Amino acid sequence: MFVLGLQGSPRKKGNTDTLLSAFMETAQRNGAETHVANVFEHEIQPCIACSMCEKTGICSINDDMQNEIYPLLRRADIVVLASPIFFTTSPHH
């Protein structure tokens, strides 16, 4: 089993990172292969609503999402999304 953690906090060693690390360590102890992708360390552009993905199945934006994150998502049996809440909303990036 492959567990992918998407860490959405810019704060290393913050609450979000601590909770995700605990989850991933438990998954490893139970036999899972794990990988954490720190989203803030990747160049990911926002959707531009071009509908290319609907027409071709491929996003028109060639960024780290295409080259690094999508392959991990396709491989993952479980995806864990970890994001902080700052002032009643998630980070904008």
C-alpha atoms as a PDB file:
ATOM      1  CA  MET A   1       0.000   0.000   0.000  1.00  0.00           C
ATOM      2  CA  PHE A   2       1.256   3.478  -0.910  1.00  0.00           C
ATOM      3  CA  VAL A   3       0.162   6.443   1.229  1.00  0.00           C
ATOM      4  CA  LEU A   4       0.735   9.946  -0.137  1.00  0.00           C
ATOM      5  CA  GLY A   5       0.650  12.915   2.227  1.00  0.00           C
ATOM      6  CA  LEU A   6       0.124  16.360   0.719  1.00  0.00           C
ATOM      7  CA  GLN A   7       1.440  18.876   3.242  1.00  0.00           C
ATOM      8  CA  GLY A   8      -0.064  22.307   2.589  1.00  0.00           C
ATOM      9  CA  SER A   9       1.541  24.369   5.334  1.00  0.00           C
ATOM     10  CA  PRO A  10       4.422  26.771   4.754  1.00  0.00           C
ATOM     11  CA  ARG A  11       5.518  26.236   8.385  1.00  0.00           C
ATOM     12  CA  LYS A  12       8.013  23.422   8.824  1.00  0.00           C
ATOM     13  CA  LYS A  13       7.619  21.686  12.178  1.00  0.00           C
ATOM     14  CA  GLY A  14       4.273  23.439  12.727  1.00  0.00           C
ATOM     15  CA  ASN A  15       1.042  21.796  13.885  1.00  0.00           C
ATOM     16  CA  THR A  16       0.043  20.574  10.415  1.00  0.00           C
ATOM     17  CA  ASP A  17       3.464  19.049   9.785  1.00  0.00           C
ATOM     18  CA  THR A  18       3.472  17.415  13.224  1.00  0.00           C
ATOM     19  CA  LEU A  19       0.043  15.816  12.722  1.00  0.00           C
ATOM     20  CA  LEU A  20       0.831  14.594   9.206  1.00  0.00           C
ATOM     21  CA  SER A  21       4.176  13.175  10.364  1.00  0.00           C
ATOM     22  CA  ALA A  22       2.448  11.229  13.139  1.00  0.00           C
ATOM     23  CA  PHE A  23      -0.069   9.801  10.672  1.00  0.00           C
ATOM     24  CA  MET A  24       2.611   8.822   8.163  1.00  0.00           C
ATOM     25  CA  GLU A  25       4.814   7.222  10.841  1.00  0.00           C
ATOM     26  CA  THR A  26       1.864   5.102  11.959  1.00  0.00           C
ATOM     27  CA  ALA A  27       1.180   4.073   8.355  1.00  0.00           C
ATOM     28  CA  GLN A  28       4.843   3.047   7.961  1.00  0.00           C
ATOM     29  CA  ARG A  29       4.761   1.010  11.178  1.00  0.00           C
ATOM     30  CA  ASN A  30       1.750  -0.811   9.742  1.00  0.00           C
ATOM     31  CA  GLY A  31       3.608  -1.725   6.556  1.00  0.00           C
ATOM     32  CA  ALA A  32       2.733   1.088   4.165  1.00  0.00           C
ATOM     33  CA  GLU A  33       5.160   2.809   1.850  1.00  0.00           C
ATOM     34  CA  THR A  34       4.790   6.559   2.403  1.00  0.00           C
ATOM     35  CA  HIS A  35       5.765   9.805   0.744  1.00  0.00           C
ATOM     36  CA  VAL A  36       5.107  13.400   1.833  1.00  0.00           C
ATOM     37  CA  ALA A  37       4.979  16.124  -0.810  1.00  0.00           C
ATOM     38  CA  ASN A  38       5.408  19.594   0.667  1.00  0.00           C
ATOM     39  CA  VAL A  39       3.177  21.603  -1.645  1.00  0.00           C
ATOM     40  CA  PHE A  40       4.876  24.916  -0.816  1.00  0.00           C
ATOM     41  CA  GLU A  41       8.166  23.570  -2.159  1.00  0.00           C
ATOM     42  CA  HIS A  42       6.629  22.945  -5.596  1.00  0.00           C
ATOM     43  CA  GLU A  43       5.830  25.329  -8.414  1.00  0.00           C
ATOM     44  CA  ILE A  44       2.088  24.818  -8.890  1.00  0.00           C
ATOM     45  CA  GLN A  45       0.004  27.281 -10.875  1.00  0.00           C
ATOM     46  CA  PRO A  46      -3.735  27.818 -10.307  1.00  0.00           C
ATOM     47  CA  CYS A  47      -6.331  26.479 -12.729  1.00  0.00           C
ATOM     48  CA  ILE A  48      -7.070  28.898 -15.583  1.00  0.00           C
ATOM     49  CA  ALA A  49     -10.437  27.297 -16.504  1.00  0.00           C
ATOM     50  CA  CYS A  50      -9.371  26.582 -20.095  1.00  0.00           C
ATOM     51  CA  SER A  51     -11.237  23.213 -20.137  1.00  0.00           C
ATOM     52  CA  MET A  52      -8.260  21.485 -21.773  1.00  0.00           C
ATOM     53  CA  CYS A  53      -8.386  18.740 -19.137  1.00  0.00           C
ATOM     54  CA  GLU A  54     -12.015  18.010 -20.072  1.00  0.00           C
ATOM     55  CA  LYS A  55     -11.190  17.831 -23.780  1.00  0.00           C
ATOM     56  CA  THR A  56      -7.890  15.934 -23.678  1.00  0.00           C
ATOM     57  CA  GLY A  57      -7.554  14.552 -20.151  1.00  0.00           C
ATOM     58  CA  ILE A  58      -4.319  16.528 -19.737  1.00  0.00           C
ATOM     59  CA  CYS A  59      -3.869  19.885 -18.009  1.00  0.00           C
ATOM     60  CA  SER A  60      -2.530  22.671 -20.228  1.00  0.00           C
ATOM     61  CA  ILE A  61      -0.300  23.999 -17.430  1.00  0.00           C
ATOM     62  CA  ASN A  62       3.118  22.331 -17.405  1.00  0.00           C
ATOM     63  CA  ASP A  63       4.231  22.698 -13.791  1.00  0.00           C
ATOM     64  CA  ASP A  64       5.203  20.512 -10.843  1.00  0.00           C
ATOM     65  CA  MET A  65       1.606  19.312 -10.547  1.00  0.00           C
ATOM     66  CA  GLN A  66       1.913  17.606 -13.957  1.00  0.00           C
ATOM     67  CA  ASN A  67       5.467  16.408 -13.544  1.00  0.00           C
ATOM     68  CA  GLU A  68       5.637  15.415  -9.878  1.00  0.00           C
ATOM     69  CA  ILE A  69       2.312  15.442  -8.016  1.00  0.00           C
ATOM     70  CA  TYR A  70      -0.037  13.766 -10.555  1.00  0.00           C
ATOM     71  CA  PRO A  71       2.205  10.684 -10.909  1.00  0.00           C
ATOM     72  CA  LEU A  72       2.211  10.309  -7.113  1.00  0.00           C
ATOM     73  CA  LEU A  73      -1.578  10.738  -6.960  1.00  0.00           C
ATOM     74  CA  ARG A  74      -2.090   8.073  -9.632  1.00  0.00           C
ATOM     75  CA  ARG A  75       0.079   5.653  -7.667  1.00  0.00           C
ATOM     76  CA  ALA A  76      -1.436   6.348  -4.237  1.00  0.00           C
ATOM     77  CA  ASP A  77      -3.833   3.971  -2.540  1.00  0.00           C
ATOM     78  CA  ILE A  78      -4.515   6.583   0.151  1.00  0.00           C
ATOM     79  CA  VAL A  79      -4.112  10.369  -0.072  1.00  0.00           C
ATOM     80  CA  VAL A  80      -3.896  12.432   3.112  1.00  0.00           C
ATOM     81  CA  LEU A  81      -4.462  16.179   2.715  1.00  0.00           C
ATOM     82  CA  ALA A  82      -3.005  18.267   5.527  1.00  0.00           C
ATOM     83  CA  SER A  83      -3.639  21.993   5.497  1.00  0.00           C
ATOM     84  CA  PRO A  84      -3.636  24.593   8.250  1.00  0.00           C
ATOM     85  CA  ILE A  85      -6.397  27.080   8.904  1.00  0.00           C
ATOM     86  CA  PHE A  86      -5.161  30.670   9.120  1.00  0.00           C
ATOM     87  CA  PHE A  87      -7.750  33.281  10.095  1.00  0.00           C
ATOM     88  CA  THR A  88     -10.707  31.014   9.200  1.00  0.00           C
ATOM     89  CA  THR A  89      -9.380  29.927   5.776  1.00  0.00           C
ATOM     90  CA  SER A  90      -6.699  27.743   4.239  1.00  0.00           C
ATOM     91  CA  PRO A  91      -3.500  29.262   2.809  1.00  0.00           C
ATOM     92  CA  HIS A  92      -4.040  30.895  -0.578  1.00  0.00           C
ATOM     93  CA  HIS A  93      -1.144  29.170  -2.337  1.00  0.00           C
END
